[in-house]
Amino acid sequence: METSRVGKRGTIVVPAKLRERFGLKEGTLLIAEEQGGGILLRPAVAVPVERYTDERKAEFLLNNAVDVEDYAQAVKEVRKLALSPRKIRHRRPA
């Protein structure tokens, strides 16, 4: 067990042995949570979030239609996005 000190801005130095053991490097994200009267620090996993444009959403809607009725509903949804289905690359279902 090693002792660390909290810095002015709340920074904490994690001892080198622990950083190496858990693969913590500069910039590593950590989750800090209260647990059992103490603070538990553990590595966090950050998953990138993909954001889609309205055009891309329209493309998904139209291309994933499985029948004529489904396609008609997709067209309505695309129009709600203020887009023209004719200007979106897609294949109509048979």
N, C-alpha and C. Protein backbone atom coordinates (compact mmCIF):
# COMPACT_ATOMS: atom_id res chain seq x y z
N MET A 1 0.85 -1.17 0.00
CA MET A 1 0.00 0.00 0.00
C MET A 1 0.90 1.23 0.00
N GLU A 2 0.54 2.20 -0.86
CA GLU A 2 1.29 3.44 -0.93
C GLU A 2 0.34 4.61 -0.68
N THR A 3 0.87 5.73 -0.24
CA THR A 3 0.07 6.90 0.04
C THR A 3 0.23 7.91 -1.09
N SER A 4 -0.87 8.53 -1.47
CA SER A 4 -0.85 9.60 -2.48
C SER A 4 -1.46 10.84 -1.87
N ARG A 5 -1.21 11.96 -2.51
CA ARG A 5 -1.72 13.23 -2.02
C ARG A 5 -2.63 13.84 -3.10
N VAL A 6 -3.69 14.49 -2.67
CA VAL A 6 -4.59 15.17 -3.60
C VAL A 6 -4.01 16.55 -3.88
N GLY A 7 -3.85 16.89 -5.17
CA GLY A 7 -3.30 18.18 -5.57
C GLY A 7 -4.36 19.27 -5.58
N LYS A 8 -3.93 20.50 -5.94
CA LYS A 8 -4.82 21.67 -5.94
C LYS A 8 -6.09 21.44 -6.74
N ARG A 9 -5.99 20.86 -7.88
CA ARG A 9 -7.15 20.68 -8.76
C ARG A 9 -7.79 19.30 -8.61
N GLY A 10 -7.50 18.62 -7.53
CA GLY A 10 -8.08 17.30 -7.29
C GLY A 10 -7.29 16.18 -7.94
N THR A 11 -6.12 16.49 -8.45
CA THR A 11 -5.31 15.45 -9.09
C THR A 11 -4.76 14.48 -8.05
N ILE A 12 -4.69 13.23 -8.43
CA ILE A 12 -4.16 12.18 -7.57
C ILE A 12 -3.10 11.44 -8.37
N VAL A 13 -1.95 11.20 -7.75
CA VAL A 13 -0.90 10.44 -8.40
C VAL A 13 -1.11 8.97 -8.04
N VAL A 14 -1.32 8.15 -9.06
CA VAL A 14 -1.46 6.71 -8.85
C VAL A 14 -0.04 6.13 -8.87
N PRO A 15 0.33 5.37 -7.87
CA PRO A 15 1.68 4.81 -7.82
C PRO A 15 2.05 4.05 -9.10
N ALA A 16 3.31 4.16 -9.48
CA ALA A 16 3.80 3.57 -10.73
C ALA A 16 3.48 2.08 -10.85
N LYS A 17 3.63 1.31 -9.78
CA LYS A 17 3.37 -0.13 -9.84
C LYS A 17 1.91 -0.40 -10.23
N LEU A 18 1.01 0.38 -9.67
CA LEU A 18 -0.41 0.20 -10.01
C LEU A 18 -0.71 0.66 -11.43
N ARG A 19 -0.09 1.77 -11.86
CA ARG A 19 -0.29 2.24 -13.24
C ARG A 19 0.15 1.18 -14.23
N GLU A 20 1.30 0.59 -13.97
CA GLU A 20 1.82 -0.45 -14.87
C GLU A 20 0.93 -1.68 -14.85
N ARG A 21 0.54 -2.10 -13.65
CA ARG A 21 -0.29 -3.31 -13.52
C ARG A 21 -1.61 -3.19 -14.26
N PHE A 22 -2.21 -1.99 -14.21
CA PHE A 22 -3.52 -1.81 -14.82
C PHE A 22 -3.47 -1.09 -16.16
N GLY A 23 -2.27 -0.87 -16.67
CA GLY A 23 -2.12 -0.26 -18.00
C GLY A 23 -2.60 1.18 -18.07
N LEU A 24 -2.44 1.91 -16.98
CA LEU A 24 -2.88 3.31 -16.96
C LEU A 24 -1.78 4.20 -17.51
N LYS A 25 -2.14 4.98 -18.52
CA LYS A 25 -1.18 5.91 -19.11
C LYS A 25 -1.79 7.31 -19.07
N GLU A 26 -0.99 8.31 -19.37
CA GLU A 26 -1.49 9.67 -19.39
C GLU A 26 -2.69 9.75 -20.33
N GLY A 27 -3.77 10.33 -19.86
CA GLY A 27 -4.98 10.47 -20.66
C GLY A 27 -5.97 9.33 -20.50
N THR A 28 -5.60 8.27 -19.77
CA THR A 28 -6.52 7.16 -19.53
C THR A 28 -7.74 7.66 -18.76
N LEU A 29 -8.92 7.28 -19.21
CA LEU A 29 -10.15 7.66 -18.51
C LEU A 29 -10.38 6.72 -17.33
N LEU A 30 -10.80 7.30 -16.21
CA LEU A 30 -11.09 6.52 -15.01
C LEU A 30 -12.50 6.85 -14.53
N ILE A 31 -13.12 5.87 -13.93
CA ILE A 31 -14.40 6.08 -13.26
C ILE A 31 -14.10 6.13 -11.78
N ALA A 32 -14.62 7.15 -11.10
CA ALA A 32 -14.45 7.28 -9.65
C ALA A 32 -15.82 7.14 -9.03
N GLU A 33 -15.96 6.19 -8.11
CA GLU A 33 -17.26 5.99 -7.47
C GLU A 33 -17.08 5.71 -5.98
N GLU A 34 -18.06 6.15 -5.23
CA GLU A 34 -18.06 5.91 -3.79
C GLU A 34 -18.40 4.45 -3.55
N GLN A 35 -17.61 3.80 -2.70
CA GLN A 35 -17.89 2.40 -2.40
C GLN A 35 -17.31 2.04 -1.04
N GLY A 36 -18.15 1.53 -0.18
CA GLY A 36 -17.71 1.03 1.12
C GLY A 36 -16.94 2.04 1.95
N GLY A 37 -17.37 3.29 1.95
CA GLY A 37 -16.70 4.30 2.75
C GLY A 37 -15.41 4.81 2.13
N GLY A 38 -15.17 4.48 0.88
CA GLY A 38 -13.96 4.94 0.19
C GLY A 38 -14.28 5.31 -1.24
N ILE A 39 -13.25 5.48 -2.03
CA ILE A 39 -13.38 5.82 -3.44
C ILE A 39 -12.74 4.70 -4.26
N LEU A 40 -13.50 4.17 -5.19
CA LEU A 40 -12.99 3.13 -6.10
C LEU A 40 -12.68 3.80 -7.43
N LEU A 41 -11.45 3.64 -7.91
CA LEU A 41 -11.05 4.12 -9.23
C LEU A 41 -10.88 2.91 -10.13
N ARG A 42 -11.48 2.98 -11.30
CA ARG A 42 -11.29 1.88 -12.26
C ARG A 42 -11.27 2.42 -13.67
N PRO A 43 -10.55 1.74 -14.57
CA PRO A 43 -10.48 2.21 -15.96
C PRO A 43 -11.88 2.25 -16.59
N ALA A 44 -12.09 3.27 -17.40
CA ALA A 44 -13.37 3.41 -18.11
C ALA A 44 -13.14 3.07 -19.57
N VAL A 45 -14.18 2.61 -20.21
CA VAL A 45 -14.13 2.34 -21.64
C VAL A 45 -14.98 3.39 -22.34
N ALA A 46 -14.37 4.11 -23.25
CA ALA A 46 -15.10 5.13 -24.01
C ALA A 46 -15.38 4.57 -25.40
N VAL A 47 -16.63 4.53 -25.77
CA VAL A 47 -17.04 4.03 -27.07
C VAL A 47 -17.45 5.22 -27.92
N PRO A 48 -16.84 5.38 -29.09
CA PRO A 48 -17.21 6.52 -29.93
C PRO A 48 -18.67 6.41 -30.37
N VAL A 49 -19.33 7.53 -30.38
CA VAL A 49 -20.73 7.58 -30.80
C VAL A 49 -20.79 8.10 -32.22
N GLU A 50 -21.46 7.35 -33.07
CA GLU A 50 -21.60 7.77 -34.45
C GLU A 50 -22.89 8.55 -34.60
N ARG A 51 -22.79 9.72 -35.19
CA ARG A 51 -23.98 10.54 -35.42
C ARG A 51 -24.29 10.53 -36.91
N TYR A 52 -25.55 10.33 -37.24
CA TYR A 52 -25.96 10.24 -38.62
C TYR A 52 -26.67 11.50 -39.07
N THR A 53 -26.39 11.92 -40.28
CA THR A 53 -27.10 13.05 -40.87
C THR A 53 -28.51 12.60 -41.20
N ASP A 54 -29.41 13.55 -41.43
CA ASP A 54 -30.77 13.20 -41.82
C ASP A 54 -30.77 12.43 -43.14
N GLU A 55 -29.86 12.78 -44.05
CA GLU A 55 -29.77 12.06 -45.33
C GLU A 55 -29.41 10.60 -45.12
N ARG A 56 -28.49 10.35 -44.20
CA ARG A 56 -28.08 8.96 -43.92
C ARG A 56 -29.21 8.19 -43.26
N LYS A 57 -29.94 8.85 -42.35
CA LYS A 57 -31.10 8.21 -41.72
C LYS A 57 -32.13 7.85 -42.78
N ALA A 58 -32.35 8.76 -43.73
CA ALA A 58 -33.31 8.51 -44.80
C ALA A 58 -32.88 7.32 -45.64
N GLU A 59 -31.59 7.24 -45.92
CA GLU A 59 -31.05 6.11 -46.69
C GLU A 59 -31.30 4.79 -45.96
N PHE A 60 -31.07 4.77 -44.65
CA PHE A 60 -31.35 3.56 -43.86
C PHE A 60 -32.83 3.19 -43.94
N LEU A 61 -33.68 4.17 -43.72
CA LEU A 61 -35.12 3.92 -43.73
C LEU A 61 -35.57 3.31 -45.06
N LEU A 62 -35.16 3.92 -46.16
CA LEU A 62 -35.61 3.48 -47.48
C LEU A 62 -35.00 2.14 -47.87
N ASN A 63 -33.73 1.94 -47.59
CA ASN A 63 -33.08 0.68 -47.99
C ASN A 63 -33.49 -0.51 -47.13
N ASN A 64 -34.00 -0.26 -45.94
CA ASN A 64 -34.39 -1.36 -45.07
C ASN A 64 -35.86 -1.73 -45.17
N ALA A 65 -36.57 -1.07 -46.05
CA ALA A 65 -37.98 -1.43 -46.27
C ALA A 65 -38.04 -2.82 -46.90
N VAL A 66 -38.90 -3.69 -46.35
CA VAL A 66 -38.95 -5.08 -46.82
C VAL A 66 -40.08 -5.36 -47.81
N ASP A 67 -41.07 -4.49 -47.85
CA ASP A 67 -42.16 -4.67 -48.79
C ASP A 67 -42.73 -3.30 -49.16
N VAL A 68 -43.75 -3.29 -50.01
CA VAL A 68 -44.31 -2.04 -50.51
C VAL A 68 -44.90 -1.20 -49.37
N GLU A 69 -45.60 -1.82 -48.45
CA GLU A 69 -46.19 -1.07 -47.32
C GLU A 69 -45.10 -0.48 -46.43
N ASP A 70 -44.10 -1.25 -46.17
CA ASP A 70 -42.99 -0.79 -45.35
C ASP A 70 -42.28 0.38 -46.05
N TYR A 71 -42.13 0.28 -47.36
CA TYR A 71 -41.50 1.34 -48.14
C TYR A 71 -42.33 2.62 -48.07
N ALA A 72 -43.65 2.49 -48.18
CA ALA A 72 -44.53 3.66 -48.10
C ALA A 72 -44.37 4.35 -46.74
N GLN A 73 -44.24 3.58 -45.68
CA GLN A 73 -44.03 4.16 -44.34
C GLN A 73 -42.67 4.85 -44.27
N ALA A 74 -41.66 4.23 -44.88
CA ALA A 74 -40.32 4.83 -44.90
C ALA A 74 -40.34 6.16 -45.64
N VAL A 75 -41.07 6.21 -46.74
CA VAL A 75 -41.19 7.45 -47.50
C VAL A 75 -41.80 8.55 -46.63
N LYS A 76 -42.83 8.21 -45.86
CA LYS A 76 -43.46 9.19 -44.95
C LYS A 76 -42.44 9.70 -43.93
N GLU A 77 -41.67 8.78 -43.37
CA GLU A 77 -40.67 9.17 -42.37
C GLU A 77 -39.59 10.06 -42.98
N VAL A 78 -39.20 9.75 -44.21
CA VAL A 78 -38.19 10.57 -44.89
C VAL A 78 -38.74 11.97 -45.13
N ARG A 79 -39.98 12.06 -45.52
CA ARG A 79 -40.59 13.38 -45.75
C ARG A 79 -40.70 14.17 -44.44
N LYS A 80 -40.88 13.48 -43.31
CA LYS A 80 -40.89 14.16 -42.01
C LYS A 80 -39.53 14.81 -41.73
N LEU A 81 -38.48 14.25 -42.34
CA LEU A 81 -37.14 14.81 -42.19
C LEU A 81 -36.91 15.97 -43.16
N ALA A 82 -37.98 16.35 -43.88
CA ALA A 82 -37.93 17.43 -44.88
C ALA A 82 -36.99 17.10 -46.03
N LEU A 83 -36.99 15.83 -46.42
CA LEU A 83 -36.16 15.36 -47.53
C LEU A 83 -37.03 14.73 -48.60
N SER A 84 -36.53 14.74 -49.81
CA SER A 84 -37.22 14.09 -50.91
C SER A 84 -36.67 12.68 -51.09
N PRO A 85 -37.54 11.67 -51.01
CA PRO A 85 -37.06 10.29 -51.20
C PRO A 85 -36.39 10.08 -52.56
N ARG A 86 -36.80 10.86 -53.57
CA ARG A 86 -36.21 10.71 -54.91
C ARG A 86 -34.75 11.13 -54.95
N LYS A 87 -34.33 11.95 -53.98
CA LYS A 87 -32.94 12.43 -53.98
C LYS A 87 -32.03 11.57 -53.10
N ILE A 88 -32.58 10.54 -52.51
CA ILE A 88 -31.81 9.66 -51.62
C ILE A 88 -31.49 8.37 -52.38
N ARG A 89 -30.21 7.98 -52.40
CA ARG A 89 -29.83 6.72 -53.07
C ARG A 89 -30.42 5.55 -52.32
N HIS A 90 -31.22 4.75 -53.02
CA HIS A 90 -31.80 3.57 -52.40
C HIS A 90 -32.41 2.66 -53.45
N ARG A 91 -32.76 1.47 -53.01
CA ARG A 91 -33.44 0.50 -53.89
C ARG A 91 -34.83 0.27 -53.31
N ARG A 92 -35.81 0.31 -54.19
CA ARG A 92 -37.18 0.03 -53.76
C ARG A 92 -37.36 -1.48 -53.63
N PRO A 93 -38.12 -1.91 -52.66
CA PRO A 93 -38.37 -3.36 -52.54
C PRO A 93 -39.25 -3.83 -53.70
N ALA A 94 -39.09 -5.09 -54.04
CA ALA A 94 -39.84 -5.67 -55.18
C ALA A 94 -41.31 -5.88 -54.81
